């Protein structure tokens, strides 16, 4: 996708993904304009000192504020929606706030994009949205449904909405990797469950998936990366070999394993080479499936407990050492 004459807006642009995506845009895509939309003036000020690009602009606002989004989206071609509340215990204690940002905020993004004639919108989701067991996952599932249905409102030539769904980002704030590195100094690593497994990817992989979604979307799809998995035991051994591992039990709102594609989605999922594409379930969302996409078996399931996708400890150690040191850890 050629961005040279496009204006790109990133909600939550001062967060981990937003900053990495902005740097990628500046270094490799050189869009006409990049707009950082976020609610924290301090983080915007700090980001302005770090990033130097003549087309970079900053816009204070909150996705809860529809009028502000309408103003921000004027003249915008592409929106990457990365703003969210995502700390599981905090959202369980403040459920209405989670709904206002993650669900009503998604509705506001859709309304503003439709009315301002934005060409494409891609929203970031999470494996926690699949069969959710906590409020964060439930709000992201709801947001996925909203973005999937939104293209029906725009007509054949209108705004195209899609979603990317992925797992944990290596080294991002709130992930277990910084925790394990800190605990390494004490000689004891805390493990919630010895069999717990997770999907992991780098920020570069997350960005590449967003760019593929923007390039390929016809509207309403969910794009899922092909990424490896790891157990927490292996992750701990890769970061802190020789340390004592203390089992503390699964915390409230956690799963033993995560799923990126369920059996119920398998019959409408296609293998696109580097990623999977989940097509919408309803007839009003018609798509032309590219000929090189391969249909998956009806009972296909993409879960973190599949040993075929698991990294070795050596592979884990190489990725963690290479990537996690340079990850930007600010949140939205």
C-alpha atoms as a PDB file:
ATOM      1  CA  UNK A   1       0.000   0.000   0.000  1.00  0.00           C
ATOM      2  CA  UNK A   2       1.389   3.383  -1.011  1.00  0.00           C
ATOM      3  CA  UNK A   3       1.128   5.880   1.860  1.00  0.00           C
ATOM      4  CA  UNK A   4       2.996   8.748   0.205  1.00  0.00           C
ATOM      5  CA  UNK A   5      -0.138  10.787  -0.450  1.00  0.00           C
ATOM      6  CA  UNK A   6      -2.190   9.590   2.503  1.00  0.00           C
ATOM      7  CA  UNK A   7      -2.991  10.955   5.959  1.00  0.00           C
ATOM      8  CA  UNK A   8      -2.805   8.312   8.684  1.00  0.00           C
ATOM      9  CA  UNK A   9      -4.298   8.751  12.167  1.00  0.00           C
ATOM     10  CA  UNK A  10      -3.366   6.482  15.088  1.00  0.00           C
ATOM     11  CA  UNK A  11      -5.607   6.413  18.158  1.00  0.00           C
ATOM     12  CA  UNK A  12      -3.612   5.604  21.271  1.00  0.00           C
ATOM     13  CA  UNK A  13      -0.636   6.845  19.313  1.00  0.00           C
ATOM     14  CA  UNK A  14       1.598   7.359  22.365  1.00  0.00           C
ATOM     15  CA  UNK A  15       1.277   3.709  23.457  1.00  0.00           C
ATOM     16  CA  UNK A  16       3.627   0.807  22.768  1.00  0.00           C
ATOM     17  CA  UNK A  17       2.135  -0.087  19.405  1.00  0.00           C
ATOM     18  CA  UNK A  18       1.415   3.517  18.425  1.00  0.00           C
ATOM     19  CA  UNK A  19       4.996   4.663  18.848  1.00  0.00           C
ATOM     20  CA  UNK A  20       6.424   1.627  17.069  1.00  0.00           C
ATOM     21  CA  UNK A  21       3.926   2.022  14.216  1.00  0.00           C
ATOM     22  CA  UNK A  22       4.726   5.726  13.897  1.00  0.00           C
ATOM     23  CA  UNK A  23       8.439   5.011  13.675  1.00  0.00           C
ATOM     24  CA  UNK A  24       7.774   2.359  11.018  1.00  0.00           C
ATOM     25  CA  UNK A  25       5.674   4.850   9.032  1.00  0.00           C
ATOM     26  CA  UNK A  26       8.380   7.495   9.194  1.00  0.00           C
ATOM     27  CA  UNK A  27      11.237   5.146   8.333  1.00  0.00           C
ATOM     28  CA  UNK A  28       9.599   3.032   5.632  1.00  0.00           C
ATOM     29  CA  UNK A  29       6.332   4.514   4.357  1.00  0.00           C
ATOM     30  CA  UNK A  30       6.729   8.320   4.508  1.00  0.00           C
ATOM     31  CA  UNK A  31       3.021   9.264   4.537  1.00  0.00           C
ATOM     32  CA  UNK A  32       1.880  12.794   3.774  1.00  0.00           C
ATOM     33  CA  UNK A  33       0.764  13.205   7.377  1.00  0.00           C
ATOM     34  CA  UNK A  34       0.676  11.139  10.583  1.00  0.00           C
ATOM     35  CA  UNK A  35      -1.727  12.256  13.315  1.00  0.00           C
ATOM     36  CA  UNK A  36      -1.205  11.016  16.871  1.00  0.00           C
ATOM     37  CA  UNK A  37      -4.565  10.977  18.674  1.00  0.00           C
ATOM     38  CA  UNK A  38      -4.344  10.358  22.430  1.00  0.00           C
ATOM     39  CA  UNK A  39      -5.456  11.797  25.733  1.00  0.00           C
ATOM     40  CA  UNK A  40      -2.100  12.313  27.513  1.00  0.00           C
ATOM     41  CA  UNK A  41      -0.474  15.679  26.804  1.00  0.00           C
ATOM     42  CA  UNK A  42       2.737  14.728  28.644  1.00  0.00           C
ATOM     43  CA  UNK A  43       3.310  11.618  26.540  1.00  0.00           C
ATOM     44  CA  UNK A  44       2.608  13.610  23.386  1.00  0.00           C
ATOM     45  CA  UNK A  45       5.150  16.202  24.476  1.00  0.00           C
ATOM     46  CA  UNK A  46       7.735  13.517  25.180  1.00  0.00           C
ATOM     47  CA  UNK A  47       7.012  11.841  21.856  1.00  0.00           C
ATOM     48  CA  UNK A  48       7.428  15.144  20.002  1.00  0.00           C
ATOM     49  CA  UNK A  49      10.960  15.411  21.414  1.00  0.00           C
ATOM     50  CA  UNK A  50      11.795  11.904  20.218  1.00  0.00           C
ATOM     51  CA  UNK A  51      10.210  11.906  16.747  1.00  0.00           C
ATOM     52  CA  UNK A  52      11.149  14.388  14.042  1.00  0.00           C
ATOM     53  CA  UNK A  53       9.060  14.318  10.876  1.00  0.00           C
ATOM     54  CA  UNK A  54       7.566  17.288   9.082  1.00  0.00           C
ATOM     55  CA  UNK A  55       4.259  15.496   8.549  1.00  0.00           C
ATOM     56  CA  UNK A  56       3.779  14.479  12.197  1.00  0.00           C
ATOM     57  CA  UNK A  57       0.896  16.098  14.087  1.00  0.00           C
ATOM     58  CA  UNK A  58      -0.532  15.660  17.598  1.00  0.00           C
ATOM     59  CA  UNK A  59      -4.201  15.779  18.568  1.00  0.00           C
ATOM     60  CA  UNK A  60      -5.366  15.667  22.199  1.00  0.00           C
ATOM     61  CA  UNK A  61      -8.603  13.753  22.551  1.00  0.00           C
ATOM     62  CA  UNK A  62     -10.399  10.693  23.894  1.00  0.00           C
ATOM     63  CA  UNK A  63     -12.188   8.041  21.835  1.00  0.00           C
ATOM     64  CA  UNK A  64     -15.134   8.482  24.197  1.00  0.00           C
ATOM     65  CA  UNK A  65     -15.645  11.967  22.720  1.00  0.00           C
ATOM     66  CA  UNK A  66     -17.439  11.545  19.379  1.00  0.00           C
ATOM     67  CA  UNK A  67     -17.338  15.237  18.500  1.00  0.00           C
ATOM     68  CA  UNK A  68     -13.582  15.360  18.999  1.00  0.00           C
ATOM     69  CA  UNK A  69     -13.146  12.316  16.750  1.00  0.00           C
ATOM     70  CA  UNK A  70     -15.258  13.970  14.058  1.00  0.00           C
ATOM     71  CA  UNK A  71     -12.896  16.939  14.112  1.00  0.00           C
ATOM     72  CA  UNK A  72      -9.764  14.786  14.187  1.00  0.00           C
ATOM     73  CA  UNK A  73     -10.873  12.549  11.284  1.00  0.00           C
ATOM     74  CA  UNK A  74     -11.418  15.400   8.838  1.00  0.00           C
ATOM     75  CA  UNK A  75      -9.212  14.767   5.805  1.00  0.00           C
ATOM     76  CA  UNK A  76      -7.910  11.444   7.171  1.00  0.00           C
ATOM     77  CA  UNK A  77      -7.502   8.497   4.786  1.00  0.00           C
ATOM     78  CA  UNK A  78      -6.477   5.665   7.146  1.00  0.00           C
ATOM     79  CA  UNK A  79      -7.218   5.112  10.846  1.00  0.00           C
ATOM     80  CA  UNK A  80      -5.368   2.610  13.010  1.00  0.00           C
ATOM     81  CA  UNK A  81      -7.367   2.175  16.207  1.00  0.00           C
ATOM     82  CA  UNK A  82      -4.994   1.142  19.001  1.00  0.00           C
ATOM     83  CA  UNK A  83      -6.546   3.023  21.945  1.00  0.00           C
ATOM     84  CA  UNK A  84      -7.947   0.790  24.694  1.00  0.00           C
ATOM     85  CA  UNK A  85      -8.127   0.143  28.409  1.00  0.00           C
ATOM     86  CA  UNK A  86      -6.571  -3.292  28.931  1.00  0.00           C
ATOM     87  CA  UNK A  87      -5.407  -3.937  32.512  1.00  0.00           C
ATOM     88  CA  UNK A  88      -7.599  -6.891  33.501  1.00  0.00           C
ATOM     89  CA  UNK A  89      -7.902  -6.346  37.308  1.00  0.00           C
ATOM     90  CA  UNK A  90      -8.448  -2.597  36.883  1.00  0.00           C
ATOM     91  CA  UNK A  91     -11.244  -3.121  34.369  1.00  0.00           C
ATOM     92  CA  UNK A  92     -12.977  -5.680  36.564  1.00  0.00           C
ATOM     93  CA  UNK A  93     -13.059  -3.057  39.325  1.00  0.00           C
ATOM     94  CA  UNK A  94     -14.106  -0.275  36.911  1.00  0.00           C
ATOM     95  CA  UNK A  95     -16.389  -2.063  34.417  1.00  0.00           C
ATOM     96  CA  UNK A  96     -18.286   0.960  33.144  1.00  0.00           C
ATOM     97  CA  UNK A  97     -15.018   2.681  32.260  1.00  0.00           C
ATOM     98  CA  UNK A  98     -13.990  -0.384  30.241  1.00  0.00           C
ATOM     99  CA  UNK A  99     -17.247  -0.262  28.278  1.00  0.00           C
ATOM    100  CA  UNK A 100     -17.004   3.477  27.652  1.00  0.00           C
ATOM    101  CA  UNK A 101     -13.531   3.262  26.125  1.00  0.00           C
ATOM    102  CA  UNK A 102     -13.431  -0.175  24.509  1.00  0.00           C
ATOM    103  CA  UNK A 103     -17.030  -0.454  23.269  1.00  0.00           C
ATOM    104  CA  UNK A 104     -18.552   3.035  23.039  1.00  0.00           C
ATOM    105  CA  UNK A 105     -15.159   4.292  21.852  1.00  0.00           C
ATOM    106  CA  UNK A 106     -15.254   1.725  19.026  1.00  0.00           C
ATOM    107  CA  UNK A 107     -18.738   2.906  18.047  1.00  0.00           C
ATOM    108  CA  UNK A 108     -17.490   6.506  17.999  1.00  0.00           C
ATOM    109  CA  UNK A 109     -14.548   5.545  15.772  1.00  0.00           C
ATOM    110  CA  UNK A 110     -16.948   3.883  13.329  1.00  0.00           C
ATOM    111  CA  UNK A 111     -19.384   6.813  13.247  1.00  0.00           C
ATOM    112  CA  UNK A 112     -16.659   9.415  12.752  1.00  0.00           C
ATOM    113  CA  UNK A 113     -14.951   7.369  10.023  1.00  0.00           C
ATOM    114  CA  UNK A 114     -18.208   6.867   8.120  1.00  0.00           C
ATOM    115  CA  UNK A 115     -19.256  10.506   8.313  1.00  0.00           C
ATOM    116  CA  UNK A 116     -15.811  11.905   7.467  1.00  0.00           C
ATOM    117  CA  UNK A 117     -15.186   9.569   4.539  1.00  0.00           C
ATOM    118  CA  UNK A 118     -12.146   7.731   5.925  1.00  0.00           C
ATOM    119  CA  UNK A 119     -11.048   5.092   3.390  1.00  0.00           C
ATOM    120  CA  UNK A 120      -9.868   2.307   5.724  1.00  0.00           C
ATOM    121  CA  UNK A 121      -9.974   1.574   9.452  1.00  0.00           C
ATOM    122  CA  UNK A 122      -8.123  -1.277  11.143  1.00  0.00           C
ATOM    123  CA  UNK A 123      -8.754  -1.988  14.829  1.00  0.00           C
ATOM    124  CA  UNK A 124      -6.424  -3.875  17.168  1.00  0.00           C
ATOM    125  CA  UNK A 125      -7.920  -6.793  19.078  1.00  0.00           C
ATOM    126  CA  UNK A 126      -6.559  -9.573  21.269  1.00  0.00           C
ATOM    127  CA  UNK A 127      -6.699 -13.319  21.881  1.00  0.00           C
ATOM    128  CA  UNK A 128      -8.526 -12.391  25.105  1.00  0.00           C
ATOM    129  CA  UNK A 129     -11.568 -11.611  22.902  1.00  0.00           C
ATOM    130  CA  UNK A 130     -11.927 -15.309  22.011  1.00  0.00           C
ATOM    131  CA  UNK A 131     -14.257 -17.100  24.454  1.00  0.00           C
ATOM    132  CA  UNK A 132     -13.628 -14.283  26.968  1.00  0.00           C
ATOM    133  CA  UNK A 133     -13.359 -14.997  30.686  1.00  0.00           C
ATOM    134  CA  UNK A 134     -12.810 -11.392  31.802  1.00  0.00           C
ATOM    135  CA  UNK A 135     -14.396  -8.023  31.068  1.00  0.00           C
ATOM    136  CA  UNK A 136     -11.448  -6.829  28.981  1.00  0.00           C
ATOM    137  CA  UNK A 137     -11.880  -9.766  26.614  1.00  0.00           C
ATOM    138  CA  UNK A 138     -15.654  -9.269  26.512  1.00  0.00           C
ATOM    139  CA  UNK A 139     -15.322  -5.605  25.547  1.00  0.00           C
ATOM    140  CA  UNK A 140     -12.810  -6.446  22.813  1.00  0.00           C
ATOM    141  CA  UNK A 141     -15.115  -9.164  21.476  1.00  0.00           C
ATOM    142  CA  UNK A 142     -17.914  -6.615  21.325  1.00  0.00           C
ATOM    143  CA  UNK A 143     -15.612  -4.181  19.515  1.00  0.00           C
ATOM    144  CA  UNK A 144     -14.687  -6.896  17.002  1.00  0.00           C
ATOM    145  CA  UNK A 145     -18.383  -7.428  16.265  1.00  0.00           C
ATOM    146  CA  UNK A 146     -18.927  -3.697  15.800  1.00  0.00           C
ATOM    147  CA  UNK A 147     -16.062  -3.336  13.335  1.00  0.00           C
ATOM    148  CA  UNK A 148     -17.126  -6.474  11.477  1.00  0.00           C
ATOM    149  CA  UNK A 149     -20.630  -5.090  10.977  1.00  0.00           C
ATOM    150  CA  UNK A 150     -19.562  -1.513  10.244  1.00  0.00           C
ATOM    151  CA  UNK A 151     -18.684  -2.055   6.577  1.00  0.00           C
ATOM    152  CA  UNK A 152     -22.347  -2.840   5.902  1.00  0.00           C
ATOM    153  CA  UNK A 153     -23.165   0.788   6.712  1.00  0.00           C
ATOM    154  CA  UNK A 154     -20.669   2.235   4.252  1.00  0.00           C
ATOM    155  CA  UNK A 155     -21.795   0.632   0.985  1.00  0.00           C
ATOM    156  CA  UNK A 156     -19.623  -0.812  -1.759  1.00  0.00           C
ATOM    157  CA  UNK A 157     -17.466   2.304  -2.185  1.00  0.00           C
ATOM    158  CA  UNK A 158     -17.408   3.524   1.397  1.00  0.00           C
ATOM    159  CA  UNK A 159     -15.162   3.029   4.424  1.00  0.00           C
ATOM    160  CA  UNK A 160     -13.606  -0.404   4.867  1.00  0.00           C
ATOM    161  CA  UNK A 161     -13.356  -1.688   8.453  1.00  0.00           C
ATOM    162  CA  UNK A 162     -11.347  -4.704   9.612  1.00  0.00           C
ATOM    163  CA  UNK A 163      -9.691  -6.085  12.743  1.00  0.00           C
ATOM    164  CA  UNK A 164      -6.348  -7.662  13.596  1.00  0.00           C
ATOM    165  CA  UNK A 165      -6.329 -10.184  16.436  1.00  0.00           C
ATOM    166  CA  UNK A 166      -3.075 -11.276  18.073  1.00  0.00           C
ATOM    167  CA  UNK A 167      -1.520 -12.409  21.351  1.00  0.00           C
ATOM    168  CA  UNK A 168       1.051 -11.001  23.763  1.00  0.00           C
ATOM    169  CA  UNK A 169       3.705  -8.589  22.520  1.00  0.00           C
ATOM    170  CA  UNK A 170       7.225  -9.378  23.704  1.00  0.00           C
ATOM    171  CA  UNK A 171       8.461  -6.871  26.267  1.00  0.00           C
ATOM    172  CA  UNK A 172       5.426  -4.585  26.238  1.00  0.00           C
ATOM    173  CA  UNK A 173       4.307  -2.983  29.467  1.00  0.00           C
ATOM    174  CA  UNK A 174       2.328  -5.371  31.642  1.00  0.00           C
ATOM    175  CA  UNK A 175       3.853  -8.446  30.029  1.00  0.00           C
ATOM    176  CA  UNK A 176       5.559 -11.107  32.106  1.00  0.00           C
ATOM    177  CA  UNK A 177       8.996 -10.659  30.528  1.00  0.00           C
ATOM    178  CA  UNK A 178       9.959  -7.482  32.442  1.00  0.00           C
ATOM    179  CA  UNK A 179       8.621  -9.151  35.608  1.00  0.00           C
ATOM    180  CA  UNK A 180      10.781 -12.245  35.083  1.00  0.00           C
ATOM    181  CA  UNK A 181      13.835 -10.064  34.430  1.00  0.00           C
ATOM    182  CA  UNK A 182      13.265  -8.204  37.680  1.00  0.00           C
ATOM    183  CA  UNK A 183      12.639 -11.411  39.629  1.00  0.00           C
ATOM    184  CA  UNK A 184      15.816 -12.919  38.190  1.00  0.00           C
ATOM    185  CA  UNK A 185      17.793 -10.717  40.567  1.00  0.00           C
ATOM    186  CA  UNK A 186      16.095 -12.381  43.559  1.00  0.00           C
ATOM    187  CA  UNK A 187      16.745 -15.946  42.378  1.00  0.00           C
ATOM    188  CA  UNK A 188      13.042 -16.886  42.425  1.00  0.00           C
ATOM    189  CA  UNK A 189      10.576 -16.729  39.491  1.00  0.00           C
ATOM    190  CA  UNK A 190       6.826 -16.897  40.128  1.00  0.00           C
ATOM    191  CA  UNK A 191       4.853 -19.122  37.732  1.00  0.00           C
ATOM    192  CA  UNK A 192       1.063 -19.108  37.724  1.00  0.00           C
ATOM    193  CA  UNK A 193       0.732 -22.637  36.298  1.00  0.00           C
ATOM    194  CA  UNK A 194       3.393 -25.013  34.932  1.00  0.00           C
ATOM    195  CA  UNK A 195       1.343 -25.824  31.783  1.00  0.00           C
ATOM    196  CA  UNK A 196       0.182 -22.287  30.971  1.00  0.00           C
ATOM    197  CA  UNK A 197       0.910 -21.285  27.371  1.00  0.00           C
ATOM    198  CA  UNK A 198       0.618 -18.085  25.367  1.00  0.00           C
ATOM    199  CA  UNK A 199       0.987 -16.709  21.836  1.00  0.00           C
ATOM    200  CA  UNK A 200       3.861 -14.240  21.524  1.00  0.00           C
ATOM    201  CA  UNK A 201       4.935 -11.873  18.775  1.00  0.00           C
ATOM    202  CA  UNK A 202       7.157  -8.845  18.322  1.00  0.00           C
ATOM    203  CA  UNK A 203       5.952  -5.323  17.672  1.00  0.00           C
ATOM    204  CA  UNK A 204       7.338  -5.602  14.140  1.00  0.00           C
ATOM    205  CA  UNK A 205       5.111  -8.621  13.524  1.00  0.00           C
ATOM    206  CA  UNK A 206       2.101  -6.723  14.876  1.00  0.00           C
ATOM    207  CA  UNK A 207       2.838  -3.789  12.565  1.00  0.00           C
ATOM    208  CA  UNK A 208       3.304  -6.063   9.554  1.00  0.00           C
ATOM    209  CA  UNK A 209      -0.084  -7.650  10.246  1.00  0.00           C
ATOM    210  CA  UNK A 210      -1.765  -4.225  10.365  1.00  0.00           C
ATOM    211  CA  UNK A 211      -0.167  -3.281   7.036  1.00  0.00           C
ATOM    212  CA  UNK A 212      -1.302  -6.561   5.453  1.00  0.00           C
ATOM    213  CA  UNK A 213      -4.825  -5.940   6.731  1.00  0.00           C
ATOM    214  CA  UNK A 214      -4.865  -2.437   5.261  1.00  0.00           C
ATOM    215  CA  UNK A 215      -3.617  -3.778   1.949  1.00  0.00           C
ATOM    216  CA  UNK A 216      -5.935  -6.796   1.679  1.00  0.00           C
ATOM    217  CA  UNK A 217      -9.164  -5.817   3.415  1.00  0.00           C
ATOM    218  CA  UNK A 218     -12.459  -5.805   1.583  1.00  0.00           C
ATOM    219  CA  UNK A 219     -14.222  -5.034   4.850  1.00  0.00           C
ATOM    220  CA  UNK A 220     -15.289  -6.946   7.979  1.00  0.00           C
ATOM    221  CA  UNK A 221     -12.441  -9.504   8.128  1.00  0.00           C
ATOM    222  CA  UNK A 222     -10.363 -10.499  11.148  1.00  0.00           C
ATOM    223  CA  UNK A 223      -6.658 -10.963  10.384  1.00  0.00           C
ATOM    224  CA  UNK A 224      -4.684 -13.362  12.590  1.00  0.00           C
ATOM    225  CA  UNK A 225      -0.880 -13.794  12.457  1.00  0.00           C
ATOM    226  CA  UNK A 226       0.939 -17.100  12.353  1.00  0.00           C
ATOM    227  CA  UNK A 227       3.075 -16.784  15.466  1.00  0.00           C
ATOM    228  CA  UNK A 228       4.769 -19.253  17.797  1.00  0.00           C
ATOM    229  CA  UNK A 229       3.694 -20.175  21.293  1.00  0.00           C
ATOM    230  CA  UNK A 230       5.568 -20.790  24.512  1.00  0.00           C
ATOM    231  CA  UNK A 231       4.878 -22.110  27.975  1.00  0.00           C
ATOM    232  CA  UNK A 232       5.570 -19.895  30.965  1.00  0.00           C
ATOM    233  CA  UNK A 233       7.960 -22.526  32.297  1.00  0.00           C
ATOM    234  CA  UNK A 234      10.032 -22.374  29.095  1.00  0.00           C
ATOM    235  CA  UNK A 235       9.882 -18.583  29.071  1.00  0.00           C
ATOM    236  CA  UNK A 236      11.130 -18.424  32.655  1.00  0.00           C
ATOM    237  CA  UNK A 237      13.963 -20.847  31.832  1.00  0.00           C
ATOM    238  CA  UNK A 238      14.971 -18.788  28.794  1.00  0.00           C
ATOM    239  CA  UNK A 239      15.146 -15.567  30.826  1.00  0.00           C
ATOM    240  CA  UNK A 240      16.313 -16.807  34.224  1.00  0.00           C
ATOM    241  CA  UNK A 241      18.025 -20.198  33.879  1.00  0.00           C
ATOM    242  CA  UNK A 242      18.833 -21.807  37.193  1.00  0.00           C
ATOM    243  CA  UNK A 243      16.400 -19.726  39.227  1.00  0.00           C
ATOM    244  CA  UNK A 244      13.895 -21.352  41.549  1.00  0.00           C
ATOM    245  CA  UNK A 245      10.398 -21.516  40.002  1.00  0.00           C
ATOM    246  CA  UNK A 246       7.572 -20.960  42.484  1.00  0.00           C
ATOM    247  CA  UNK A 247       4.040 -21.965  41.428  1.00  0.00           C
ATOM    248  CA  UNK A 248       1.480 -19.408  42.663  1.00  0.00           C
ATOM    249  CA  UNK A 249      -1.692 -20.471  40.822  1.00  0.00           C
ATOM    250  CA  UNK A 250      -3.763 -18.976  38.002  1.00  0.00           C
ATOM    251  CA  UNK A 251      -4.967 -15.468  38.762  1.00  0.00           C
ATOM    252  CA  UNK A 252      -8.608 -14.354  38.418  1.00  0.00           C
ATOM    253  CA  UNK A 253      -9.515 -13.597  34.801  1.00  0.00           C
ATOM    254  CA  UNK A 254      -6.736 -15.741  33.315  1.00  0.00           C
ATOM    255  CA  UNK A 255      -6.929 -18.802  31.062  1.00  0.00           C
ATOM    256  CA  UNK A 256      -4.607 -21.768  31.062  1.00  0.00           C
ATOM    257  CA  UNK A 257      -4.282 -21.518  27.254  1.00  0.00           C
ATOM    258  CA  UNK A 258      -5.310 -18.876  24.734  1.00  0.00           C
ATOM    259  CA  UNK A 259      -7.098 -19.318  21.399  1.00  0.00           C
ATOM    260  CA  UNK A 260      -6.808 -17.095  18.322  1.00  0.00           C
ATOM    261  CA  UNK A 261      -9.250 -18.998  16.094  1.00  0.00           C
ATOM    262  CA  UNK A 262     -12.058 -21.187  17.450  1.00  0.00           C
ATOM    263  CA  UNK A 263     -13.625 -24.267  15.862  1.00  0.00           C
ATOM    264  CA  UNK A 264     -16.732 -22.173  15.189  1.00  0.00           C
ATOM    265  CA  UNK A 265     -14.634 -19.762  13.106  1.00  0.00           C
ATOM    266  CA  UNK A 266     -12.617 -22.479  11.360  1.00  0.00           C
ATOM    267  CA  UNK A 267     -15.106 -23.089   8.537  1.00  0.00           C
ATOM    268  CA  UNK A 268     -14.841 -19.455   7.440  1.00  0.00           C
ATOM    269  CA  UNK A 269     -11.098 -19.068   7.924  1.00  0.00           C
ATOM    270  CA  UNK A 270      -8.518 -19.129   5.131  1.00  0.00           C
ATOM    271  CA  UNK A 271      -4.762 -19.601   5.112  1.00  0.00           C
ATOM    272  CA  UNK A 272      -3.254 -16.519   3.441  1.00  0.00           C
ATOM    273  CA  UNK A 273       0.372 -17.628   3.692  1.00  0.00           C
ATOM    274  CA  UNK A 274       1.886 -15.511   6.444  1.00  0.00           C
ATOM    275  CA  UNK A 275      -1.427 -15.133   8.260  1.00  0.00           C
ATOM    276  CA  UNK A 276      -5.011 -16.327   8.535  1.00  0.00           C
ATOM    277  CA  UNK A 277      -8.127 -14.427   7.498  1.00  0.00           C
ATOM    278  CA  UNK A 278     -11.456 -14.989   9.256  1.00  0.00           C
ATOM    279  CA  UNK A 279     -14.299 -13.896   6.997  1.00  0.00           C
ATOM    280  CA  UNK A 280     -17.626 -12.630   8.385  1.00  0.00           C
ATOM    281  CA  UNK A 281     -20.456 -15.056   8.997  1.00  0.00           C
ATOM    282  CA  UNK A 282     -23.432 -13.174   7.566  1.00  0.00           C
ATOM    283  CA  UNK A 283     -24.571 -13.115   3.940  1.00  0.00           C
ATOM    284  CA  UNK A 284     -24.746  -9.341   3.672  1.00  0.00           C
ATOM    285  CA  UNK A 285     -20.955  -9.238   4.063  1.00  0.00           C
ATOM    286  CA  UNK A 286     -19.948 -10.619   0.656  1.00  0.00           C
ATOM    287  CA  UNK A 287     -16.265 -11.140  -0.210  1.00  0.00           C
ATOM    288  CA  UNK A 288     -14.184 -12.322  -3.110  1.00  0.00           C
ATOM    289  CA  UNK A 289     -11.735 -14.862  -1.691  1.00  0.00           C
ATOM    290  CA  UNK A 290      -8.298 -14.573  -3.374  1.00  0.00           C
ATOM    291  CA  UNK A 291      -7.501 -17.710  -5.365  1.00  0.00           C
ATOM    292  CA  UNK A 292      -4.232 -18.375  -3.539  1.00  0.00           C
ATOM    293  CA  UNK A 293      -5.970 -18.449  -0.129  1.00  0.00           C
ATOM    294  CA  UNK A 294      -6.490 -21.993   1.152  1.00  0.00           C
ATOM    295  CA  UNK A 295      -9.640 -22.935   3.003  1.00  0.00           C
ATOM    296  CA  UNK A 296      -9.036 -24.588   6.359  1.00  0.00           C
ATOM    297  CA  UNK A 297     -10.816 -27.646   7.762  1.00  0.00           C
ATOM    298  CA  UNK A 298     -14.180 -26.978   9.401  1.00  0.00           C
ATOM    299  CA  UNK A 299     -12.881 -27.989  12.833  1.00  0.00           C
ATOM    300  CA  UNK A 300      -9.660 -25.975  12.552  1.00  0.00           C
ATOM    301  CA  UNK A 301      -8.596 -24.471  15.881  1.00  0.00           C
ATOM    302  CA  UNK A 302      -5.588 -22.227  16.490  1.00  0.00           C
ATOM    303  CA  UNK A 303      -4.606 -22.445  20.153  1.00  0.00           C
ATOM    304  CA  UNK A 304      -1.497 -21.866  22.242  1.00  0.00           C
ATOM    305  CA  UNK A 305      -1.458 -25.403  23.637  1.00  0.00           C
ATOM    306  CA  UNK A 306      -0.640 -26.938  20.234  1.00  0.00           C
ATOM    307  CA  UNK A 307       2.935 -28.295  20.584  1.00  0.00           C
ATOM    308  CA  UNK A 308       3.485 -27.981  16.828  1.00  0.00           C
ATOM    309  CA  UNK A 309       3.677 -24.176  17.198  1.00  0.00           C
ATOM    310  CA  UNK A 310       5.953 -24.143  20.245  1.00  0.00           C
ATOM    311  CA  UNK A 311       9.366 -22.469  20.313  1.00  0.00           C
ATOM    312  CA  UNK A 312      12.408 -24.079  21.874  1.00  0.00           C
ATOM    313  CA  UNK A 313      14.089 -22.466  24.858  1.00  0.00           C
ATOM    314  CA  UNK A 314      17.016 -21.480  22.616  1.00  0.00           C
ATOM    315  CA  UNK A 315      14.696 -19.774  20.123  1.00  0.00           C
ATOM    316  CA  UNK A 316      12.906 -18.049  22.977  1.00  0.00           C
ATOM    317  CA  UNK A 317      16.123 -16.768  24.474  1.00  0.00           C
ATOM    318  CA  UNK A 318      17.302 -15.363  21.149  1.00  0.00           C
ATOM    319  CA  UNK A 319      14.054 -13.470  20.538  1.00  0.00           C
ATOM    320  CA  UNK A 320      13.725 -12.140  24.079  1.00  0.00           C
ATOM    321  CA  UNK A 321      17.318 -10.915  24.158  1.00  0.00           C
ATOM    322  CA  UNK A 322      17.053  -9.302  20.726  1.00  0.00           C
ATOM    323  CA  UNK A 323      13.653  -7.662  20.974  1.00  0.00           C
ATOM    324  CA  UNK A 324      12.616  -6.978  24.533  1.00  0.00           C
ATOM    325  CA  UNK A 325      15.422  -4.580  25.360  1.00  0.00           C
ATOM    326  CA  UNK A 326      14.302  -2.093  22.715  1.00  0.00           C
ATOM    327  CA  UNK A 327      10.540  -2.297  23.185  1.00  0.00           C
ATOM    328  CA  UNK A 328       8.793   0.973  23.993  1.00  0.00           C
ATOM    329  CA  UNK A 329       6.758   0.374  27.132  1.00  0.00           C
ATOM    330  CA  UNK A 330       4.477   3.388  27.447  1.00  0.00           C
ATOM    331  CA  UNK A 331       0.722   2.707  27.439  1.00  0.00           C
ATOM    332  CA  UNK A 332      -2.059   4.704  25.818  1.00  0.00           C
END
